[in-house]
Amino acid sequence: MKLKIESDVYNISKRILDIDKDYYIVYNTSTKKYEVHCSSQKDTTYCVTVPYSTLDERTLNYVYQTSSKNIDKILSKIESDNISQENAQIDGVLSQFTDSLKNL
């Protein structure tokens, strides 16, 4: 069962509307987790499961960071992280190669 959260201690259920006017929060009693839904989405309203056990400022930050409105920032961050990871792997291989040459 999913229970719509109409109010909470920190007003997260109201403040989330600043990110998107169609967002709302439910508590999924099966998973015992909070979920963010969007009433204007096609097919399904589900957006994201909140990774915290309580609704607080972290919830707003998480939802903001994962909002589709920020897709360009998200994709740019993913690309940047991928490049950094590739460079670290290349550096590791070069370091191993250099070390093996020193041992010859």
PDB file of N, CA and C in Angstrom:
ATOM      1  N   MET A   1       0.834  -1.168   0.000  1.00  0.00           N
ATOM      2  CA  MET A   1       0.000   0.000   0.000  1.00  0.00           C
ATOM      3  C   MET A   1       0.890   1.247   0.000  1.00  0.00           C
ATOM      4  N   LYS A   2       0.420   2.252  -0.693  1.00  0.00           N
ATOM      5  CA  LYS A   2       1.156   3.517  -0.726  1.00  0.00           C
ATOM      6  C   LYS A   2       0.311   4.608  -0.092  1.00  0.00           C
ATOM      7  N   LEU A   3       0.892   5.258   0.885  1.00  0.00           N
ATOM      8  CA  LEU A   3       0.200   6.313   1.615  1.00  0.00           C
ATOM      9  C   LEU A   3       0.762   7.665   1.207  1.00  0.00           C
ATOM     10  N   LYS A   4      -0.080   8.527   0.695  1.00  0.00           N
ATOM     11  CA  LYS A   4       0.373   9.861   0.300  1.00  0.00           C
ATOM     12  C   LYS A   4       0.676  10.684   1.547  1.00  0.00           C
ATOM     13  N   ILE A   5       1.834  11.313   1.542  1.00  0.00           N
ATOM     14  CA  ILE A   5       2.264  12.151   2.668  1.00  0.00           C
ATOM     15  C   ILE A   5       1.774  13.576   2.413  1.00  0.00           C
ATOM     16  N   GLU A   6       0.857  14.004   3.242  1.00  0.00           N
ATOM     17  CA  GLU A   6       0.274  15.348   3.104  1.00  0.00           C
ATOM     18  C   GLU A   6       1.007  16.382   3.951  1.00  0.00           C
ATOM     19  N   SER A   7       1.592  15.922   5.056  1.00  0.00           N
ATOM     20  CA  SER A   7       2.343  16.836   5.925  1.00  0.00           C
ATOM     21  C   SER A   7       3.409  16.045   6.669  1.00  0.00           C
ATOM     22  N   ASP A   8       4.448  16.746   7.063  1.00  0.00           N
ATOM     23  CA  ASP A   8       5.546  16.121   7.796  1.00  0.00           C
ATOM     24  C   ASP A   8       6.251  17.190   8.617  1.00  0.00           C
ATOM     25  N   VAL A   9       7.126  16.762   9.491  1.00  0.00           N
ATOM     26  CA  VAL A   9       7.769  17.654  10.454  1.00  0.00           C
ATOM     27  C   VAL A   9       8.480  18.837   9.791  1.00  0.00           C
ATOM     28  N   TYR A  10       9.221  18.565   8.713  1.00  0.00           N
ATOM     29  CA  TYR A  10      10.013  19.610   8.062  1.00  0.00           C
ATOM     30  C   TYR A  10       9.338  20.185   6.808  1.00  0.00           C
ATOM     31  N   ASN A  11       8.088  19.856   6.608  1.00  0.00           N
ATOM     32  CA  ASN A  11       7.328  20.338   5.445  1.00  0.00           C
ATOM     33  C   ASN A  11       7.944  19.946   4.112  1.00  0.00           C
ATOM     34  N   ILE A  12       8.614  18.814   4.079  1.00  0.00           N
ATOM     35  CA  ILE A  12       9.245  18.338   2.841  1.00  0.00           C
ATOM     36  C   ILE A  12       8.181  18.087   1.781  1.00  0.00           C
ATOM     37  N   SER A  13       7.037  17.562   2.200  1.00  0.00           N
ATOM     38  CA  SER A  13       5.964  17.275   1.249  1.00  0.00           C
ATOM     39  C   SER A  13       5.435  18.545   0.577  1.00  0.00           C
ATOM     40  N   LYS A  14       5.584  19.668   1.212  1.00  0.00           N
ATOM     41  CA  LYS A  14       5.187  20.955   0.612  1.00  0.00           C
ATOM     42  C   LYS A  14       6.365  21.586  -0.137  1.00  0.00           C
ATOM     43  N   ARG A  15       7.539  21.510   0.462  1.00  0.00           N
ATOM     44  CA  ARG A  15       8.724  22.156  -0.127  1.00  0.00           C
ATOM     45  C   ARG A  15       9.164  21.486  -1.428  1.00  0.00           C
ATOM     46  N   ILE A  16       8.808  20.216  -1.594  1.00  0.00           N
ATOM     47  CA  ILE A  16       9.200  19.511  -2.818  1.00  0.00           C
ATOM     48  C   ILE A  16       8.507  20.110  -4.042  1.00  0.00           C
ATOM     49  N   LEU A  17       7.397  20.795  -3.805  1.00  0.00           N
ATOM     50  CA  LEU A  17       6.675  21.455  -4.893  1.00  0.00           C
ATOM     51  C   LEU A  17       7.483  22.597  -5.501  1.00  0.00           C
ATOM     52  N   ASP A  18       8.480  23.102  -4.775  1.00  0.00           N
ATOM     53  CA  ASP A  18       9.364  24.128  -5.322  1.00  0.00           C
ATOM     54  C   ASP A  18      10.256  23.556  -6.422  1.00  0.00           C
ATOM     55  N   ILE A  19      10.510  22.267  -6.365  1.00  0.00           N
ATOM     56  CA  ILE A  19      11.312  21.613  -7.406  1.00  0.00           C
ATOM     57  C   ILE A  19      10.448  21.328  -8.619  1.00  0.00           C
ATOM     58  N   ASP A  20       9.259  20.780  -8.367  1.00  0.00           N
ATOM     59  CA  ASP A  20       8.306  20.511  -9.449  1.00  0.00           C
ATOM     60  C   ASP A  20       6.911  20.528  -8.843  1.00  0.00           C
ATOM     61  N   LYS A  21       6.045  21.319  -9.420  1.00  0.00           N
ATOM     62  CA  LYS A  21       4.693  21.495  -8.873  1.00  0.00           C
ATOM     63  C   LYS A  21       3.863  20.212  -8.908  1.00  0.00           C
ATOM     64  N   ASP A  22       4.294  19.229  -9.694  1.00  0.00           N
ATOM     65  CA  ASP A  22       3.556  17.975  -9.825  1.00  0.00           C
ATOM     66  C   ASP A  22       4.115  16.844  -8.963  1.00  0.00           C
ATOM     67  N   TYR A  23       5.146  17.120  -8.181  1.00  0.00           N
ATOM     68  CA  TYR A  23       5.721  16.097  -7.312  1.00  0.00           C
ATOM     69  C   TYR A  23       4.842  15.875  -6.081  1.00  0.00           C
ATOM     70  N   TYR A  24       4.866  14.660  -5.616  1.00  0.00           N
ATOM     71  CA  TYR A  24       4.269  14.337  -4.319  1.00  0.00           C
ATOM     72  C   TYR A  24       5.010  13.133  -3.743  1.00  0.00           C
ATOM     73  N   ILE A  25       4.879  12.955  -2.443  1.00  0.00           N
ATOM     74  CA  ILE A  25       5.616  11.902  -1.739  1.00  0.00           C
ATOM     75  C   ILE A  25       4.621  10.878  -1.205  1.00  0.00           C
ATOM     76  N   VAL A  26       5.000   9.622  -1.339  1.00  0.00           N
ATOM     77  CA  VAL A  26       4.216   8.538  -0.748  1.00  0.00           C
ATOM     78  C   VAL A  26       5.129   7.686   0.123  1.00  0.00           C
ATOM     79  N   TYR A  27       4.516   7.012   1.074  1.00  0.00           N
ATOM     80  CA  TYR A  27       5.243   6.031   1.869  1.00  0.00           C
ATOM     81  C   TYR A  27       4.760   4.672   1.417  1.00  0.00           C
ATOM     82  N   ASN A  28       5.689   3.851   0.922  1.00  0.00           N
ATOM     83  CA  ASN A  28       5.373   2.512   0.448  1.00  0.00           C
ATOM     84  C   ASN A  28       5.472   1.568   1.643  1.00  0.00           C
ATOM     85  N   THR A  29       4.327   1.057   2.088  1.00  0.00           N
ATOM     86  CA  THR A  29       4.319   0.203   3.279  1.00  0.00           C
ATOM     87  C   THR A  29       4.947  -1.166   3.025  1.00  0.00           C
ATOM     88  N   SER A  30       5.011  -1.582   1.766  1.00  0.00           N
ATOM     89  CA  SER A  30       5.637  -2.875   1.439  1.00  0.00           C
ATOM     90  C   SER A  30       7.150  -2.807   1.581  1.00  0.00           C
ATOM     91  N   THR A  31       7.733  -1.733   1.054  1.00  0.00           N
ATOM     92  CA  THR A  31       9.187  -1.583   1.089  1.00  0.00           C
ATOM     93  C   THR A  31       9.661  -0.784   2.296  1.00  0.00           C
ATOM     94  N   LYS A  32       8.722  -0.134   2.967  1.00  0.00           N
ATOM     95  CA  LYS A  32       9.026   0.734   4.110  1.00  0.00           C
ATOM     96  C   LYS A  32       9.973   1.867   3.712  1.00  0.00           C
ATOM     97  N   LYS A  33       9.695   2.427   2.527  1.00  0.00           N
ATOM     98  CA  LYS A  33      10.508   3.532   2.012  1.00  0.00           C
ATOM     99  C   LYS A  33       9.603   4.621   1.446  1.00  0.00           C
ATOM    100  N   TYR A  34      10.163   5.838   1.436  1.00  0.00           N
ATOM    101  CA  TYR A  34       9.468   6.959   0.817  1.00  0.00           C
ATOM    102  C   TYR A  34       9.771   6.959  -0.679  1.00  0.00           C
ATOM    103  N   GLU A  35       8.801   7.383  -1.456  1.00  0.00           N
ATOM    104  CA  GLU A  35       8.973   7.499  -2.902  1.00  0.00           C
ATOM    105  C   GLU A  35       8.479   8.868  -3.343  1.00  0.00           C
ATOM    106  N   VAL A  36       9.101   9.381  -4.395  1.00  0.00           N
ATOM    107  CA  VAL A  36       8.644  10.621  -5.006  1.00  0.00           C
ATOM    108  C   VAL A  36       7.950  10.245  -6.305  1.00  0.00           C
ATOM    109  N   HIS A  37       6.796  10.835  -6.504  1.00  0.00           N
ATOM    110  CA  HIS A  37       6.004  10.601  -7.709  1.00  0.00           C
ATOM    111  C   HIS A  37       5.705  11.938  -8.374  1.00  0.00           C
ATOM    112  N   CYS A  38       5.377  11.871  -9.660  1.00  0.00           N
ATOM    113  CA  CYS A  38       5.054  13.072 -10.421  1.00  0.00           C
ATOM    114  C   CYS A  38       3.750  12.826 -11.176  1.00  0.00           C
ATOM    115  N   SER A  39       2.752  13.600 -10.859  1.00  0.00           N
ATOM    116  CA  SER A  39       1.426  13.385 -11.432  1.00  0.00           C
ATOM    117  C   SER A  39       1.355  13.695 -12.928  1.00  0.00           C
ATOM    118  N   SER A  40       2.300  14.445 -13.450  1.00  0.00           N
ATOM    119  CA  SER A  40       2.241  14.814 -14.870  1.00  0.00           C
ATOM    120  C   SER A  40       2.983  13.842 -15.792  1.00  0.00           C
ATOM    121  N   GLN A  41       3.613  12.830 -15.238  1.00  0.00           N
ATOM    122  CA  GLN A  41       4.325  11.852 -16.065  1.00  0.00           C
ATOM    123  C   GLN A  41       3.348  10.913 -16.757  1.00  0.00           C
ATOM    124  N   LYS A  42       3.725  10.477 -17.945  1.00  0.00           N
ATOM    125  CA  LYS A  42       2.935   9.477 -18.658  1.00  0.00           C
ATOM    126  C   LYS A  42       3.256   8.097 -18.105  1.00  0.00           C
ATOM    127  N   ASP A  43       2.364   7.164 -18.292  1.00  0.00           N
ATOM    128  CA  ASP A  43       2.522   5.752 -17.950  1.00  0.00           C
ATOM    129  C   ASP A  43       2.623   5.473 -16.449  1.00  0.00           C
ATOM    130  N   THR A  44       3.584   6.068 -15.780  1.00  0.00           N
ATOM    131  CA  THR A  44       3.755   5.832 -14.345  1.00  0.00           C
ATOM    132  C   THR A  44       4.101   7.146 -13.661  1.00  0.00           C
ATOM    133  N   THR A  45       3.688   7.292 -12.428  1.00  0.00           N
ATOM    134  CA  THR A  45       3.998   8.516 -11.684  1.00  0.00           C
ATOM    135  C   THR A  45       5.309   8.410 -10.915  1.00  0.00           C
ATOM    136  N   TYR A  46       5.820   7.192 -10.772  1.00  0.00           N
ATOM    137  CA  TYR A  46       7.030   6.955  -9.971  1.00  0.00           C
ATOM    138  C   TYR A  46       8.239   7.694 -10.544  1.00  0.00           C
ATOM    139  N   CYS A  47       8.977   8.357  -9.658  1.00  0.00           N
ATOM    140  CA  CYS A  47      10.218   9.037 -10.052  1.00  0.00           C
ATOM    141  C   CYS A  47      11.433   8.397  -9.394  1.00  0.00           C
ATOM    142  N   VAL A  48      11.417   8.350  -8.070  1.00  0.00           N
ATOM    143  CA  VAL A  48      12.600   7.898  -7.353  1.00  0.00           C
ATOM    144  C   VAL A  48      12.220   7.440  -5.945  1.00  0.00           C
ATOM    145  N   THR A  49      12.989   6.484  -5.444  1.00  0.00           N
ATOM    146  CA  THR A  49      12.854   6.068  -4.048  1.00  0.00           C
ATOM    147  C   THR A  49      13.847   6.877  -3.215  1.00  0.00           C
ATOM    148  N   VAL A  50      13.367   7.448  -2.148  1.00  0.00           N
ATOM    149  CA  VAL A  50      14.217   8.254  -1.271  1.00  0.00           C
ATOM    150  C   VAL A  50      15.153   7.307  -0.518  1.00  0.00           C
ATOM    151  N   PRO A  51      16.471   7.548  -0.571  1.00  0.00           N
ATOM    152  CA  PRO A  51      17.421   6.624   0.067  1.00  0.00           C
ATOM    153  C   PRO A  51      17.608   6.845   1.572  1.00  0.00           C
ATOM    154  N   TYR A  52      16.739   7.622   2.174  1.00  0.00           N
ATOM    155  CA  TYR A  52      16.849   7.915   3.605  1.00  0.00           C
ATOM    156  C   TYR A  52      15.597   7.434   4.327  1.00  0.00           C
ATOM    157  N   SER A  53      15.721   7.123   5.592  1.00  0.00           N
ATOM    158  CA  SER A  53      14.595   6.594   6.353  1.00  0.00           C
ATOM    159  C   SER A  53      13.652   7.679   6.858  1.00  0.00           C
ATOM    160  N   THR A  54      14.074   8.934   6.768  1.00  0.00           N
ATOM    161  CA  THR A  54      13.226  10.054   7.182  1.00  0.00           C
ATOM    162  C   THR A  54      13.189  11.107   6.090  1.00  0.00           C
ATOM    163  N   LEU A  55      12.159  11.917   6.118  1.00  0.00           N
ATOM    164  CA  LEU A  55      12.068  13.044   5.191  1.00  0.00           C
ATOM    165  C   LEU A  55      12.737  14.248   5.830  1.00  0.00           C
ATOM    166  N   ASP A  56      13.771  14.749   5.185  1.00  0.00           N
ATOM    167  CA  ASP A  56      14.473  15.924   5.681  1.00  0.00           C
ATOM    168  C   ASP A  56      15.134  16.639   4.506  1.00  0.00           C
ATOM    169  N   GLU A  57      15.994  17.580   4.810  1.00  0.00           N
ATOM    170  CA  GLU A  57      16.661  18.390   3.774  1.00  0.00           C
ATOM    171  C   GLU A  57      17.386  17.532   2.748  1.00  0.00           C
ATOM    172  N   ARG A  58      17.943  16.421   3.180  1.00  0.00           N
ATOM    173  CA  ARG A  58      18.641  15.523   2.254  1.00  0.00           C
ATOM    174  C   ARG A  58      17.710  15.030   1.153  1.00  0.00           C
ATOM    175  N   THR A  59      16.462  14.825   1.512  1.00  0.00           N
ATOM    176  CA  THR A  59      15.477  14.381   0.525  1.00  0.00           C
ATOM    177  C   THR A  59      15.330  15.413  -0.580  1.00  0.00           C
ATOM    178  N   LEU A  60      15.187  16.670  -0.201  1.00  0.00           N
ATOM    179  CA  LEU A  60      15.057  17.737  -1.200  1.00  0.00           C
ATOM    180  C   LEU A  60      16.297  17.815  -2.084  1.00  0.00           C
ATOM    181  N   ASN A  61      17.473  17.730  -1.472  1.00  0.00           N
ATOM    182  CA  ASN A  61      18.716  17.781  -2.249  1.00  0.00           C
ATOM    183  C   ASN A  61      18.796  16.612  -3.221  1.00  0.00           C
ATOM    184  N   TYR A  62      18.438  15.437  -2.753  1.00  0.00           N
ATOM    185  CA  TYR A  62      18.484  14.239  -3.596  1.00  0.00           C
ATOM    186  C   TYR A  62      17.508  14.344  -4.761  1.00  0.00           C
ATOM    187  N   VAL A  63      16.304  14.767  -4.483  1.00  0.00           N
ATOM    188  CA  VAL A  63      15.289  14.894  -5.537  1.00  0.00           C
ATOM    189  C   VAL A  63      15.711  15.972  -6.533  1.00  0.00           C
ATOM    190  N   TYR A  64      16.237  17.072  -6.042  1.00  0.00           N
ATOM    191  CA  TYR A  64      16.706  18.126  -6.942  1.00  0.00           C
ATOM    192  C   TYR A  64      17.812  17.614  -7.861  1.00  0.00           C
ATOM    193  N   GLN A  65      18.761  16.880  -7.291  1.00  0.00           N
ATOM    194  CA  GLN A  65      19.886  16.369  -8.076  1.00  0.00           C
ATOM    195  C   GLN A  65      19.454  15.351  -9.115  1.00  0.00           C
ATOM    196  N   THR A  66      18.387  14.620  -8.843  1.00  0.00           N
ATOM    197  CA  THR A  66      17.941  13.578  -9.760  1.00  0.00           C
ATOM    198  C   THR A  66      16.789  14.021 -10.657  1.00  0.00           C
ATOM    199  N   SER A  67      16.365  15.255 -10.516  1.00  0.00           N
ATOM    200  CA  SER A  67      15.246  15.764 -11.315  1.00  0.00           C
ATOM    201  C   SER A  67      15.604  15.801 -12.798  1.00  0.00           C
ATOM    202  N   SER A  68      14.656  15.435 -13.630  1.00  0.00           N
ATOM    203  CA  SER A  68      14.891  15.440 -15.081  1.00  0.00           C
ATOM    204  C   SER A  68      15.178  16.841 -15.611  1.00  0.00           C
ATOM    205  N   LYS A  69      14.792  17.856 -14.858  1.00  0.00           N
ATOM    206  CA  LYS A  69      15.105  19.228 -15.260  1.00  0.00           C
ATOM    207  C   LYS A  69      16.611  19.486 -15.236  1.00  0.00           C
ATOM    208  N   ASN A  70      17.333  18.655 -14.513  1.00  0.00           N
ATOM    209  CA  ASN A  70      18.782  18.808 -14.388  1.00  0.00           C
ATOM    210  C   ASN A  70      19.541  17.800 -15.248  1.00  0.00           C
ATOM    211  N   ILE A  71      18.891  17.270 -16.265  1.00  0.00           N
ATOM    212  CA  ILE A  71      19.482  16.201 -17.072  1.00  0.00           C
ATOM    213  C   ILE A  71      20.831  16.611 -17.677  1.00  0.00           C
ATOM    214  N   ASP A  72      20.961  17.846 -18.128  1.00  0.00           N
ATOM    215  CA  ASP A  72      22.239  18.285 -18.711  1.00  0.00           C
ATOM    216  C   ASP A  72      23.362  18.249 -17.679  1.00  0.00           C
ATOM    217  N   LYS A  73      23.077  18.720 -16.465  1.00  0.00           N
ATOM    218  CA  LYS A  73      24.078  18.689 -15.391  1.00  0.00           C
ATOM    219  C   LYS A  73      24.422  17.245 -15.019  1.00  0.00           C
ATOM    220  N   ILE A  74      23.401  16.412 -14.947  1.00  0.00           N
ATOM    221  CA  ILE A  74      23.605  15.015 -14.570  1.00  0.00           C
ATOM    222  C   ILE A  74      24.478  14.308 -15.596  1.00  0.00           C
ATOM    223  N   LEU A  75      24.147  14.477 -16.870  1.00  0.00           N
ATOM    224  CA  LEU A  75      24.922  13.829 -17.934  1.00  0.00           C
ATOM    225  C   LEU A  75      26.353  14.360 -17.982  1.00  0.00           C
ATOM    226  N   SER A  76      26.525  15.640 -17.768  1.00  0.00           N
ATOM    227  CA  SER A  76      27.863  16.231 -17.746  1.00  0.00           C
ATOM    228  C   SER A  76      28.689  15.652 -16.596  1.00  0.00           C
ATOM    229  N   LYS A  77      28.068  15.499 -15.437  1.00  0.00           N
ATOM    230  CA  LYS A  77      28.760  14.921 -14.275  1.00  0.00           C
ATOM    231  C   LYS A  77      29.136  13.467 -14.541  1.00  0.00           C
ATOM    232  N   ILE A  78      28.229  12.705 -15.135  1.00  0.00           N
ATOM    233  CA  ILE A  78      28.524  11.315 -15.468  1.00  0.00           C
ATOM    234  C   ILE A  78      29.698  11.241 -16.431  1.00  0.00           C
ATOM    235  N   GLU A  79      29.681  12.068 -17.461  1.00  0.00           N
ATOM    236  CA  GLU A  79      30.765  12.075 -18.442  1.00  0.00           C
ATOM    237  C   GLU A  79      32.098  12.442 -17.792  1.00  0.00           C
ATOM    238  N   SER A  80      32.072  13.460 -16.942  1.00  0.00           N
ATOM    239  CA  SER A  80      33.281  13.891 -16.236  1.00  0.00           C
ATOM    240  C   SER A  80      33.815  12.779 -15.333  1.00  0.00           C
ATOM    241  N   ASP A  81      32.910  12.127 -14.612  1.00  0.00           N
ATOM    242  CA  ASP A  81      33.317  11.021 -13.742  1.00  0.00           C
ATOM    243  C   ASP A  81      33.895   9.859 -14.548  1.00  0.00           C
ATOM    244  N   ASN A  82      33.287   9.568 -15.692  1.00  0.00           N
ATOM    245  CA  ASN A  82      33.795   8.492 -16.550  1.00  0.00           C
ATOM    246  C   ASN A  82      35.199   8.801 -17.051  1.00  0.00           C
ATOM    247  N   ILE A  83      35.436  10.034 -17.459  1.00  0.00           N
ATOM    248  CA  ILE A  83      36.756  10.439 -17.945  1.00  0.00           C
ATOM    249  C   ILE A  83      37.782  10.326 -16.820  1.00  0.00           C
ATOM    250  N   SER A  84      37.413  10.780 -15.631  1.00  0.00           N
ATOM    251  CA  SER A  84      38.323  10.685 -14.479  1.00  0.00           C
ATOM    252  C   SER A  84      38.665   9.239 -14.172  1.00  0.00           C
ATOM    253  N   GLN A  85      37.669   8.376 -14.231  1.00  0.00           N
ATOM    254  CA  GLN A  85      37.883   6.957 -13.951  1.00  0.00           C
ATOM    255  C   GLN A  85      38.778   6.318 -15.013  1.00  0.00           C
ATOM    256  N   GLU A  86      38.541   6.654 -16.272  1.00  0.00           N
ATOM    257  CA  GLU A  86      39.387   6.135 -17.352  1.00  0.00           C
ATOM    258  C   GLU A  86      40.828   6.591 -17.172  1.00  0.00           C
ATOM    259  N   ASN A  87      41.013   7.866 -16.854  1.00  0.00           N
ATOM    260  CA  ASN A  87      42.358   8.402 -16.656  1.00  0.00           C
ATOM    261  C   ASN A  87      43.064   7.714 -15.490  1.00  0.00           C
ATOM    262  N   ALA A  88      42.333   7.434 -14.420  1.00  0.00           N
ATOM    263  CA  ALA A  88      42.916   6.741 -13.280  1.00  0.00           C
ATOM    264  C   ALA A  88      43.343   5.330 -13.664  1.00  0.00           C
ATOM    265  N   GLN A  89      42.524   4.660 -14.473  1.00  0.00           N
ATOM    266  CA  GLN A  89      42.871   3.313 -14.930  1.00  0.00           C
ATOM    267  C   GLN A  89      44.108   3.352 -15.831  1.00  0.00           C
ATOM    268  N   ILE A  90      44.169   4.315 -16.718  1.00  0.00           N
ATOM    269  CA  ILE A  90      45.330   4.456 -17.603  1.00  0.00           C
ATOM    270  C   ILE A  90      46.581   4.729 -16.775  1.00  0.00           C
ATOM    271  N   ASP A  91      46.471   5.626 -15.803  1.00  0.00           N
ATOM    272  CA  ASP A  91      47.612   5.928 -14.932  1.00  0.00           C
ATOM    273  C   ASP A  91      48.083   4.684 -14.186  1.00  0.00           C
ATOM    274  N   GLY A  92      47.129   3.867 -13.743  1.00  0.00           N
ATOM    275  CA  GLY A  92      47.471   2.636 -13.035  1.00  0.00           C
ATOM    276  C   GLY A  92      48.217   1.661 -13.923  1.00  0.00           C
ATOM    277  N   VAL A  93      47.753   1.500 -15.156  1.00  0.00           N
ATOM    278  CA  VAL A  93      48.410   0.596 -16.106  1.00  0.00           C
ATOM    279  C   VAL A  93      49.807   1.106 -16.442  1.00  0.00           C
ATOM    280  N   LEU A  94      49.926   2.417 -16.683  1.00  0.00           N
ATOM    281  CA  LEU A  94      51.238   2.993 -16.992  1.00  0.00           C
ATOM    282  C   LEU A  94      52.199   2.835 -15.820  1.00  0.00           C
ATOM    283  N   SER A  95      51.687   2.997 -14.617  1.00  0.00           N
ATOM    284  CA  SER A  95      52.522   2.846 -13.428  1.00  0.00           C
ATOM    285  C   SER A  95      53.012   1.397 -13.294  1.00  0.00           C
ATOM    286  N   GLN A  96      52.138   0.438 -13.509  1.00  0.00           N
ATOM    287  CA  GLN A  96      52.510  -0.978 -13.455  1.00  0.00           C
ATOM    288  C   GLN A  96      53.553  -1.304 -14.531  1.00  0.00           C
ATOM    289  N   PHE A  97      53.354  -0.754 -15.721  1.00  0.00           N
ATOM    290  CA  PHE A  97      54.273  -0.979 -16.837  1.00  0.00           C
ATOM    291  C   PHE A  97      55.640  -0.395 -16.510  1.00  0.00           C
ATOM    292  N   THR A  98      55.657   0.828 -15.984  1.00  0.00           N
ATOM    293  CA  THR A  98      56.914   1.476 -15.616  1.00  0.00           C
ATOM    294  C   THR A  98      57.643   0.696 -14.532  1.00  0.00           C
ATOM    295  N   ASP A  99      56.880   0.227 -13.538  1.00  0.00           N
ATOM    296  CA  ASP A  99      57.478  -0.565 -12.450  1.00  0.00           C
ATOM    297  C   ASP A  99      58.071  -1.876 -12.989  1.00  0.00           C
ATOM    298  N   SER A 100      57.369  -2.498 -13.923  1.00  0.00           N
ATOM    299  CA  SER A 100      57.872  -3.755 -14.473  1.00  0.00           C
ATOM    300  C   SER A 100      59.129  -3.528 -15.306  1.00  0.00           C
ATOM    301  N   LEU A 101      59.246  -2.393 -15.965  1.00  0.00           N
ATOM    302  CA  LEU A 101      60.459  -2.070 -16.733  1.00  0.00           C
ATOM    303  C   LEU A 101      61.652  -1.847 -15.801  1.00  0.00           C
ATOM    304  N   LYS A 102      61.393  -1.251 -14.644  1.00  0.00           N
ATOM    305  CA  LYS A 102      62.467  -1.001 -13.673  1.00  0.00           C
ATOM    306  C   LYS A 102      63.018  -2.313 -13.106  1.00  0.00           C
ATOM    307  N   ASN A 103      62.168  -3.335 -13.069  1.00  0.00           N
ATOM    308  CA  ASN A 103      62.574  -4.629 -12.506  1.00  0.00           C
ATOM    309  C   ASN A 103      63.301  -5.513 -13.519  1.00  0.00           C
ATOM    310  N   LEU A 104      63.427  -5.056 -14.759  1.00  0.00           N
ATOM    311  CA  LEU A 104      64.109  -5.872 -15.773  1.00  0.00           C
ATOM    312  C   LEU A 104      65.619  -5.814 -15.636  1.00  0.00           C
TER     313      LEU A 104
END
